[in-house]
Amino acid sequence: MANKITASELKSQLNDYVVIDVREADELSGGTIDNSIHMALGLTIRNAKKKQLEDIRDKKICTYCGTGYRGNIAADELVKEGFDAVTLDGGFGSWNA
């Protein structure tokens, strides 16, 4: 299980992270975290395994989805591939709470 960061912690450290939104495209209409990169869960995992995320390998990464489940999977897979990744606790639902 990936480490988690709270919404308030992420907001205060936002400039320190590359934020990846792993939701599907049809979920984005409800809003996103400013400057986040949209990369659906499956694509995130494939890109990490195919070494297509090397440009962000040395950065801290935070993943998120709607509720936290997929974000956790994404962060866990990124960690397995050697990235420094955490997930947003509670997902996007916690961002505006």
N, C-alpha and C. Protein backbone atom coordinates (compact mmCIF):
# COMPACT_ATOMS: atom_id res chain seq x y z
N MET A 1 0.84 -1.18 0.00
CA MET A 1 0.00 0.00 0.00
C MET A 1 0.89 1.25 0.00
N ALA A 2 0.57 2.17 -0.87
CA ALA A 2 1.35 3.39 -1.01
C ALA A 2 1.14 4.33 0.17
N ASN A 3 2.12 5.17 0.44
CA ASN A 3 1.97 6.19 1.46
C ASN A 3 0.96 7.21 0.99
N LYS A 4 0.31 7.86 1.95
CA LYS A 4 -0.73 8.84 1.63
C LYS A 4 -0.33 10.22 2.10
N ILE A 5 -0.91 11.22 1.44
CA ILE A 5 -0.74 12.61 1.84
C ILE A 5 -2.15 13.20 1.94
N THR A 6 -2.37 14.03 2.95
CA THR A 6 -3.69 14.64 3.09
C THR A 6 -3.82 15.81 2.13
N ALA A 7 -5.06 16.21 1.90
CA ALA A 7 -5.30 17.35 1.01
C ALA A 7 -4.62 18.60 1.54
N SER A 8 -4.69 18.84 2.84
CA SER A 8 -4.07 20.05 3.39
C SER A 8 -2.54 20.00 3.26
N GLU A 9 -1.95 18.82 3.44
CA GLU A 9 -0.50 18.68 3.27
C GLU A 9 -0.12 18.92 1.81
N LEU A 10 -0.89 18.34 0.90
CA LEU A 10 -0.58 18.52 -0.52
C LEU A 10 -0.74 19.97 -0.94
N LYS A 11 -1.78 20.64 -0.46
CA LYS A 11 -1.99 22.04 -0.81
C LYS A 11 -0.79 22.89 -0.37
N SER A 12 -0.24 22.59 0.80
CA SER A 12 0.88 23.39 1.30
C SER A 12 2.21 23.03 0.62
N GLN A 13 2.27 21.87 -0.02
CA GLN A 13 3.50 21.41 -0.67
C GLN A 13 3.31 21.19 -2.18
N LEU A 14 2.27 21.75 -2.75
CA LEU A 14 1.89 21.47 -4.14
C LEU A 14 3.03 21.69 -5.12
N ASN A 15 3.84 22.71 -4.91
CA ASN A 15 4.94 22.99 -5.83
C ASN A 15 6.04 21.95 -5.78
N ASP A 16 6.03 21.08 -4.76
CA ASP A 16 7.05 20.05 -4.62
C ASP A 16 6.69 18.77 -5.36
N TYR A 17 5.47 18.68 -5.88
CA TYR A 17 4.97 17.43 -6.48
C TYR A 17 4.58 17.59 -7.94
N VAL A 18 4.76 16.49 -8.67
CA VAL A 18 4.10 16.31 -9.96
C VAL A 18 2.82 15.56 -9.60
N VAL A 19 1.67 16.17 -9.90
CA VAL A 19 0.38 15.58 -9.52
C VAL A 19 -0.24 14.91 -10.74
N ILE A 20 -0.56 13.62 -10.59
CA ILE A 20 -1.14 12.85 -11.70
C ILE A 20 -2.56 12.44 -11.35
N ASP A 21 -3.49 12.84 -12.20
CA ASP A 21 -4.91 12.50 -12.07
C ASP A 21 -5.13 11.21 -12.85
N VAL A 22 -5.44 10.11 -12.15
CA VAL A 22 -5.57 8.81 -12.81
C VAL A 22 -7.02 8.44 -13.12
N ARG A 23 -7.92 9.42 -13.02
CA ARG A 23 -9.32 9.16 -13.37
C ARG A 23 -9.48 9.03 -14.87
N GLU A 24 -10.62 8.49 -15.28
CA GLU A 24 -10.95 8.42 -16.71
C GLU A 24 -11.37 9.80 -17.18
N ALA A 25 -11.26 10.05 -18.48
CA ALA A 25 -11.54 11.37 -19.07
C ALA A 25 -12.94 11.87 -18.73
N ASP A 26 -13.92 10.98 -18.69
CA ASP A 26 -15.30 11.42 -18.42
C ASP A 26 -15.53 11.83 -16.97
N GLU A 27 -14.54 11.64 -16.12
CA GLU A 27 -14.67 12.04 -14.71
C GLU A 27 -14.12 13.44 -14.45
N LEU A 28 -13.47 14.03 -15.42
CA LEU A 28 -12.78 15.30 -15.20
C LEU A 28 -13.69 16.51 -15.18
N SER A 29 -14.91 16.36 -15.65
CA SER A 29 -15.82 17.51 -15.72
C SER A 29 -16.16 18.08 -14.35
N GLY A 30 -15.99 17.30 -13.30
CA GLY A 30 -16.26 17.77 -11.95
C GLY A 30 -15.13 18.58 -11.34
N GLY A 31 -14.05 18.74 -12.10
CA GLY A 31 -12.92 19.53 -11.63
C GLY A 31 -11.65 18.71 -11.52
N THR A 32 -10.54 19.43 -11.44
CA THR A 32 -9.23 18.80 -11.29
C THR A 32 -8.39 19.65 -10.35
N ILE A 33 -7.27 19.11 -9.95
CA ILE A 33 -6.30 19.88 -9.17
C ILE A 33 -5.48 20.68 -10.18
N ASP A 34 -5.34 21.98 -9.94
CA ASP A 34 -4.60 22.85 -10.86
C ASP A 34 -3.23 22.27 -11.19
N ASN A 35 -2.88 22.32 -12.46
CA ASN A 35 -1.59 21.88 -12.99
C ASN A 35 -1.34 20.38 -12.89
N SER A 36 -2.39 19.60 -12.59
CA SER A 36 -2.21 18.15 -12.56
C SER A 36 -2.15 17.62 -13.99
N ILE A 37 -1.53 16.47 -14.14
CA ILE A 37 -1.41 15.81 -15.43
C ILE A 37 -2.46 14.71 -15.47
N HIS A 38 -3.28 14.69 -16.51
CA HIS A 38 -4.26 13.60 -16.63
C HIS A 38 -3.60 12.41 -17.33
N MET A 39 -3.61 11.27 -16.63
CA MET A 39 -3.07 10.04 -17.18
C MET A 39 -3.83 8.91 -16.50
N ALA A 40 -4.84 8.37 -17.18
CA ALA A 40 -5.68 7.33 -16.58
C ALA A 40 -4.84 6.21 -15.99
N LEU A 41 -5.41 5.51 -15.03
CA LEU A 41 -4.69 4.49 -14.26
C LEU A 41 -3.92 3.51 -15.14
N GLY A 42 -4.60 2.89 -16.09
CA GLY A 42 -3.94 1.90 -16.93
C GLY A 42 -2.76 2.48 -17.69
N LEU A 43 -2.94 3.69 -18.19
CA LEU A 43 -1.87 4.35 -18.93
C LEU A 43 -0.69 4.69 -18.01
N THR A 44 -0.98 5.12 -16.81
CA THR A 44 0.07 5.43 -15.84
C THR A 44 0.93 4.19 -15.59
N ILE A 45 0.28 3.06 -15.35
CA ILE A 45 1.01 1.82 -15.08
C ILE A 45 1.83 1.40 -16.30
N ARG A 46 1.21 1.43 -17.48
CA ARG A 46 1.94 1.05 -18.70
C ARG A 46 3.13 1.97 -18.95
N ASN A 47 2.91 3.27 -18.80
CA ASN A 47 4.00 4.22 -19.03
C ASN A 47 5.16 3.99 -18.07
N ALA A 48 4.86 3.70 -16.82
CA ALA A 48 5.92 3.45 -15.83
C ALA A 48 6.69 2.19 -16.20
N LYS A 49 5.99 1.13 -16.54
CA LYS A 49 6.63 -0.14 -16.88
C LYS A 49 7.44 -0.06 -18.18
N LYS A 50 7.00 0.79 -19.11
CA LYS A 50 7.69 0.95 -20.40
C LYS A 50 8.77 2.03 -20.33
N LYS A 51 9.04 2.54 -19.13
CA LYS A 51 10.07 3.57 -18.94
C LYS A 51 9.78 4.85 -19.72
N GLN A 52 8.48 5.20 -19.80
CA GLN A 52 8.09 6.40 -20.53
C GLN A 52 7.82 7.59 -19.60
N LEU A 53 8.17 7.44 -18.33
CA LEU A 53 8.00 8.54 -17.38
C LEU A 53 9.34 8.98 -16.80
N GLU A 54 10.41 8.69 -17.53
CA GLU A 54 11.75 8.98 -17.01
C GLU A 54 11.98 10.46 -16.76
N ASP A 55 11.25 11.33 -17.47
CA ASP A 55 11.42 12.77 -17.28
C ASP A 55 10.94 13.24 -15.91
N ILE A 56 10.17 12.43 -15.21
CA ILE A 56 9.73 12.81 -13.85
C ILE A 56 10.25 11.83 -12.79
N ARG A 57 11.18 10.97 -13.16
CA ARG A 57 11.70 9.97 -12.22
C ARG A 57 12.30 10.60 -10.96
N ASP A 58 12.96 11.74 -11.09
CA ASP A 58 13.63 12.34 -9.94
C ASP A 58 12.75 13.32 -9.17
N LYS A 59 11.46 13.34 -9.48
CA LYS A 59 10.54 14.25 -8.80
C LYS A 59 9.61 13.46 -7.86
N LYS A 60 9.05 14.17 -6.88
CA LYS A 60 8.05 13.56 -6.02
C LYS A 60 6.72 13.57 -6.78
N ILE A 61 6.00 12.46 -6.71
CA ILE A 61 4.75 12.31 -7.45
C ILE A 61 3.61 12.08 -6.47
N CYS A 62 2.48 12.70 -6.76
CA CYS A 62 1.25 12.43 -6.01
C CYS A 62 0.17 12.04 -7.02
N THR A 63 -0.44 10.88 -6.81
CA THR A 63 -1.52 10.43 -7.68
C THR A 63 -2.85 10.65 -6.98
N TYR A 64 -3.90 10.81 -7.78
CA TYR A 64 -5.24 10.88 -7.20
C TYR A 64 -6.29 10.42 -8.18
N CYS A 65 -7.42 9.97 -7.63
CA CYS A 65 -8.59 9.58 -8.43
C CYS A 65 -9.80 10.21 -7.74
N GLY A 66 -10.95 9.63 -7.91
CA GLY A 66 -12.15 10.21 -7.30
C GLY A 66 -12.22 10.00 -5.80
N THR A 67 -11.91 8.77 -5.35
CA THR A 67 -12.08 8.45 -3.92
C THR A 67 -10.81 7.96 -3.25
N GLY A 68 -9.79 7.64 -4.01
CA GLY A 68 -8.53 7.20 -3.44
C GLY A 68 -8.10 5.80 -3.83
N TYR A 69 -9.03 4.97 -4.28
CA TYR A 69 -8.71 3.57 -4.58
C TYR A 69 -7.74 3.44 -5.76
N ARG A 70 -8.09 4.02 -6.89
CA ARG A 70 -7.22 3.93 -8.07
C ARG A 70 -5.94 4.73 -7.89
N GLY A 71 -6.04 5.85 -7.18
CA GLY A 71 -4.84 6.63 -6.90
C GLY A 71 -3.83 5.84 -6.10
N ASN A 72 -4.32 5.04 -5.16
CA ASN A 72 -3.45 4.19 -4.36
C ASN A 72 -2.78 3.13 -5.22
N ILE A 73 -3.56 2.52 -6.11
CA ILE A 73 -2.99 1.51 -7.02
C ILE A 73 -1.89 2.14 -7.87
N ALA A 74 -2.17 3.32 -8.42
CA ALA A 74 -1.19 4.00 -9.27
C ALA A 74 0.09 4.31 -8.50
N ALA A 75 -0.04 4.88 -7.31
CA ALA A 75 1.15 5.21 -6.52
C ALA A 75 1.93 3.95 -6.16
N ASP A 76 1.22 2.89 -5.80
CA ASP A 76 1.86 1.63 -5.45
C ASP A 76 2.67 1.08 -6.64
N GLU A 77 2.08 1.12 -7.83
CA GLU A 77 2.77 0.64 -9.02
C GLU A 77 3.98 1.52 -9.36
N LEU A 78 3.84 2.83 -9.17
CA LEU A 78 4.97 3.74 -9.42
C LEU A 78 6.11 3.46 -8.45
N VAL A 79 5.78 3.23 -7.18
CA VAL A 79 6.79 2.90 -6.17
C VAL A 79 7.52 1.61 -6.57
N LYS A 80 6.77 0.61 -7.02
CA LYS A 80 7.38 -0.66 -7.46
C LYS A 80 8.36 -0.44 -8.61
N GLU A 81 8.12 0.60 -9.41
CA GLU A 81 8.99 0.92 -10.54
C GLU A 81 10.12 1.88 -10.14
N GLY A 82 10.21 2.21 -8.85
CA GLY A 82 11.32 3.02 -8.37
C GLY A 82 11.05 4.50 -8.24
N PHE A 83 9.79 4.92 -8.39
CA PHE A 83 9.45 6.33 -8.25
C PHE A 83 9.16 6.68 -6.80
N ASP A 84 9.29 7.94 -6.46
CA ASP A 84 8.94 8.48 -5.15
C ASP A 84 7.50 8.97 -5.26
N ALA A 85 6.53 8.09 -4.94
CA ALA A 85 5.12 8.43 -5.16
C ALA A 85 4.28 8.21 -3.90
N VAL A 86 3.31 9.10 -3.73
CA VAL A 86 2.30 9.00 -2.68
C VAL A 86 0.94 9.19 -3.35
N THR A 87 -0.11 8.94 -2.60
CA THR A 87 -1.45 9.16 -3.13
C THR A 87 -2.22 10.12 -2.23
N LEU A 88 -3.13 10.84 -2.82
CA LEU A 88 -3.96 11.79 -2.08
C LEU A 88 -5.00 11.01 -1.28
N ASP A 89 -4.92 11.09 0.02
CA ASP A 89 -5.85 10.38 0.90
C ASP A 89 -7.28 10.88 0.67
N GLY A 90 -8.16 9.98 0.30
CA GLY A 90 -9.55 10.35 0.04
C GLY A 90 -9.82 10.81 -1.38
N GLY A 91 -8.76 10.87 -2.21
CA GLY A 91 -8.92 11.25 -3.61
C GLY A 91 -9.41 12.67 -3.79
N PHE A 92 -9.91 12.96 -4.99
CA PHE A 92 -10.33 14.31 -5.32
C PHE A 92 -11.47 14.79 -4.43
N GLY A 93 -12.25 13.85 -3.92
CA GLY A 93 -13.34 14.22 -3.02
C GLY A 93 -12.85 14.94 -1.78
N SER A 94 -11.63 14.67 -1.35
CA SER A 94 -11.08 15.33 -0.17
C SER A 94 -10.48 16.70 -0.49
N TRP A 95 -10.23 16.97 -1.78
CA TRP A 95 -9.54 18.21 -2.17
C TRP A 95 -10.37 19.45 -1.84
N ASN A 96 -11.67 19.41 -2.08
CA ASN A 96 -12.52 20.57 -1.84
C ASN A 96 -13.37 20.43 -0.58
N ALA A 97 -13.09 19.44 0.21
CA ALA A 97 -13.90 19.19 1.42
C ALA A 97 -13.62 20.20 2.50
